[in-house]
N, C-alpha and C. Protein backbone atom coordinates (compact mmCIF):
# COMPACT_ATOMS: atom_id res chain seq x y z
N MET A 1 68.32 76.91 103.48
CA MET A 1 69.77 76.87 104.43
C MET A 1 70.70 76.29 103.60
N SER A 2 71.58 77.21 103.00
CA SER A 2 72.64 76.82 102.20
C SER A 2 73.55 74.97 102.39
N ARG A 3 73.62 74.66 101.32
CA ARG A 3 74.73 73.55 100.98
C ARG A 3 75.15 73.71 101.19
N LYS A 4 76.15 74.79 101.76
CA LYS A 4 78.33 75.69 101.21
C LYS A 4 78.80 75.44 103.25
N VAL A 5 77.24 76.21 103.46
CA VAL A 5 78.15 75.93 105.49
C VAL A 5 77.35 74.37 105.73
N ARG A 6 76.82 74.05 104.54
CA ARG A 6 76.32 71.89 105.51
C ARG A 6 78.14 71.80 104.90
N GLU A 7 78.34 72.06 103.85
CA GLU A 7 80.23 71.41 103.16
C GLU A 7 80.58 71.65 104.30
N TRP A 8 81.17 73.43 104.74
CA TRP A 8 81.98 73.56 105.16
C TRP A 8 81.77 72.67 106.39
N LEU A 9 80.62 73.32 107.06
CA LEU A 9 80.83 71.79 108.42
C LEU A 9 80.71 70.66 108.56
N MET A 10 80.86 69.32 107.60
CA MET A 10 81.38 68.52 107.72
C MET A 10 82.32 68.39 107.70
N ARG A 11 82.99 69.34 106.27
CA ARG A 11 84.51 68.72 106.61
C ARG A 11 85.63 69.12 107.58
N LEU A 12 84.90 70.38 108.15
CA LEU A 12 85.18 70.66 109.29
C LEU A 12 85.31 69.92 110.50
N SER A 13 84.65 68.61 110.42
CA SER A 13 83.83 67.67 111.49
C SER A 13 83.15 68.93 112.58
N ILE A 14 82.38 70.19 112.61
CA ILE A 14 81.64 70.28 113.17
C ILE A 14 80.33 70.07 113.29
N GLU A 15 79.50 69.17 114.26
CA GLU A 15 78.40 69.35 114.61
C GLU A 15 77.58 70.28 115.32
N THR A 16 76.17 70.73 114.43
CA THR A 16 75.38 71.68 114.56
C THR A 16 74.00 71.00 114.57
N THR A 17 73.26 71.66 115.17
CA THR A 17 71.74 71.48 115.07
C THR A 17 71.32 72.41 114.08
N HIS A 18 70.38 72.31 113.78
CA HIS A 18 69.40 73.31 111.82
C HIS A 18 69.56 74.48 113.21
N GLU A 19 69.13 74.11 113.70
CA GLU A 19 68.70 76.05 113.87
C GLU A 19 70.18 76.30 114.26
N GLU A 20 70.86 75.97 114.88
CA GLU A 20 72.46 76.66 114.70
C GLU A 20 72.67 76.95 113.35
N ARG A 21 72.79 75.66 112.45
CA ARG A 21 72.94 76.31 110.93
C ARG A 21 72.34 77.63 110.79
N GLU A 22 71.52 77.30 110.63
CA GLU A 22 70.13 78.72 110.29
C GLU A 22 70.03 80.51 110.80
N GLN A 23 71.25 80.34 111.55
CA GLN A 23 71.77 81.21 112.39
C GLN A 23 72.91 82.19 112.32
N ILE A 24 73.58 80.48 111.75
CA ILE A 24 75.05 80.52 111.02
C ILE A 24 75.07 81.37 109.29
N ASP A 25 73.65 80.82 108.45
CA ASP A 25 73.37 81.25 107.33
C ASP A 25 73.27 82.82 107.85
N ARG A 26 72.28 83.49 109.00
CA ARG A 26 71.55 84.49 109.17
C ARG A 26 73.02 85.56 109.52
N GLU A 27 73.69 85.01 109.81
CA GLU A 27 74.88 85.75 110.53
C GLU A 27 75.84 86.44 109.76
N ILE A 28 76.12 84.86 108.33
CA ILE A 28 77.04 85.37 107.25
C ILE A 28 75.79 86.57 105.67
N GLU A 29 74.53 85.82 106.76
CA GLU A 29 74.03 86.95 105.35
C GLU A 29 73.91 88.59 105.56
N GLY A 30 74.11 88.24 107.05
CA GLY A 30 73.88 89.73 107.82
C GLY A 30 75.40 90.25 107.96
N ARG A 31 76.42 90.05 107.45
CA ARG A 31 77.47 90.37 107.68
C ARG A 31 77.83 90.56 106.60
N LYS A 32 78.23 90.31 105.32
CA LYS A 32 78.33 89.90 104.05
C LYS A 32 77.20 90.91 102.66
N SER A 33 76.00 91.13 103.42
CA SER A 33 75.03 91.50 102.13
C SER A 33 74.25 90.54 101.48
N VAL A 34 74.61 89.34 101.49
CA VAL A 34 74.84 88.02 100.12
C VAL A 34 74.05 87.38 100.63
N TYR A 35 73.45 86.24 100.18
CA TYR A 35 73.54 85.03 101.00
C TYR A 35 74.69 84.53 100.74
N CYS A 36 74.16 83.58 102.13
CA CYS A 36 75.37 82.86 102.59
C CYS A 36 75.55 81.57 101.53
N ASP A 37 75.38 80.90 100.92
CA ASP A 37 76.17 80.40 99.86
C ASP A 37 77.09 80.94 98.17
N GLU A 38 76.36 82.12 97.95
CA GLU A 38 77.08 82.52 97.58
C GLU A 38 78.54 83.43 98.68
N ALA A 39 78.26 84.27 99.70
CA ALA A 39 79.94 84.33 100.27
C ALA A 39 80.56 82.94 99.83
N VAL A 40 79.79 82.26 100.43
CA VAL A 40 81.29 81.21 100.60
C VAL A 40 81.88 80.68 99.04
N ASP A 41 80.47 80.68 98.30
CA ASP A 41 81.35 80.31 96.70
C ASP A 41 82.06 81.48 96.58
N LYS A 42 82.23 82.80 97.12
CA LYS A 42 82.74 83.41 96.06
C LYS A 42 84.29 84.14 97.21
N GLY A 43 84.18 83.00 98.06
CA GLY A 43 85.07 83.33 99.09
C GLY A 43 85.64 85.57 99.36
N LEU A 44 84.05 85.04 100.07
CA LEU A 44 84.24 86.57 100.64
C LEU A 44 83.62 86.35 102.43
N VAL A 45 83.53 84.48 102.80
CA VAL A 45 83.81 83.72 103.86
C VAL A 45 84.98 83.83 104.18
N SER A 46 85.69 84.73 105.17
CA SER A 46 87.36 83.02 105.02
C SER A 46 86.93 81.75 105.91
N GLU A 47 87.75 81.24 106.09
CA GLU A 47 88.07 79.57 107.20
C GLU A 47 87.96 79.81 108.39
N GLN A 48 88.59 80.88 108.73
CA GLN A 48 89.48 81.78 109.50
C GLN A 48 87.72 82.75 110.41
N GLU A 49 87.55 83.84 109.37
CA GLU A 49 86.10 84.30 109.50
C GLU A 49 85.02 83.09 110.02
N PHE A 50 84.39 81.80 109.13
CA PHE A 50 83.11 81.13 108.78
C PHE A 50 82.89 80.46 111.06
N LEU A 51 84.67 80.27 111.12
CA LEU A 51 84.95 80.01 112.37
C LEU A 51 84.47 80.21 113.40
N GLU A 52 84.44 81.75 113.57
CA GLU A 52 84.00 82.42 114.48
C GLU A 52 83.14 83.01 114.62
N ILE A 53 81.98 82.73 113.34
CA ILE A 53 81.08 83.32 113.18
C ILE A 53 80.25 81.47 114.02
N VAL A 54 80.93 80.16 113.29
CA VAL A 54 80.39 79.13 114.35
C VAL A 54 80.59 79.43 115.79
N ASN A 55 81.81 79.78 115.94
CA ASN A 55 81.50 79.35 118.03
C ASN A 55 80.67 80.85 117.85
N LEU A 56 80.78 82.27 117.54
CA LEU A 56 79.76 82.94 118.13
C LEU A 56 77.96 82.45 118.67
N VAL A 57 77.64 81.67 117.45
CA VAL A 57 76.86 81.14 117.44
C VAL A 57 76.56 79.78 118.92
N LYS A 58 77.86 79.13 118.74
CA LYS A 58 77.52 77.97 119.54
C LYS A 58 77.70 78.72 121.16
N LYS A 59 78.40 79.76 121.25
CA LYS A 59 78.25 80.51 122.15
C LYS A 59 76.96 80.43 122.98
N ARG A 60 75.99 81.54 121.66
CA ARG A 60 74.80 82.38 122.53
C ARG A 60 73.60 81.24 122.58
N LYS A 61 74.11 80.00 121.77
CA LYS A 61 72.96 79.04 122.44
C LYS A 61 73.25 78.56 123.77
N LYS A 62 74.53 78.92 124.15
CA LYS A 62 74.80 78.06 125.32
C LYS A 62 74.14 79.10 126.51
N LYS A 63 74.57 80.20 126.25
CA LYS A 63 74.08 81.34 126.84
C LYS A 63 72.67 81.26 127.57
N LEU A 64 71.98 81.34 126.26
CA LEU A 64 70.72 81.50 126.24
C LEU A 64 70.20 79.53 127.21
N GLU A 65 70.90 78.89 126.78
CA GLU A 65 70.77 77.83 127.61
C GLU A 65 70.71 77.22 129.21
N ILE A 66 71.73 78.81 129.32
CA ILE A 66 72.37 78.78 130.68
C ILE A 66 70.79 79.81 131.45
N ALA A 67 70.71 80.47 131.17
CA ALA A 67 69.73 81.60 131.44
C ALA A 67 68.92 80.67 132.02
N TYR A 68 68.12 80.69 130.71
CA TYR A 68 66.56 79.07 130.98
C TYR A 68 66.96 77.91 131.88
N ALA A 69 68.29 77.49 132.24
CA ALA A 69 67.84 76.53 133.09
C ALA A 69 67.74 77.65 134.72
N VAL A 70 68.35 78.22 135.01
CA VAL A 70 68.36 79.49 136.17
C VAL A 70 67.54 79.42 136.69
């Protein structure tokens, strides 16, 4: 799991589960085609894009929770 992603989440005071952090890592890697720590370190991911990715992952999780609750 990405150390840099955890650092950004802590700095931005965003609480996530382990599963969400793994999904954030995979989303960054899929978009940037490099390891997520490297993408964050090299500035390939802006704070705005990072927040968009976090929100996307959280929305996906919420949709799944709603689908299984019905």
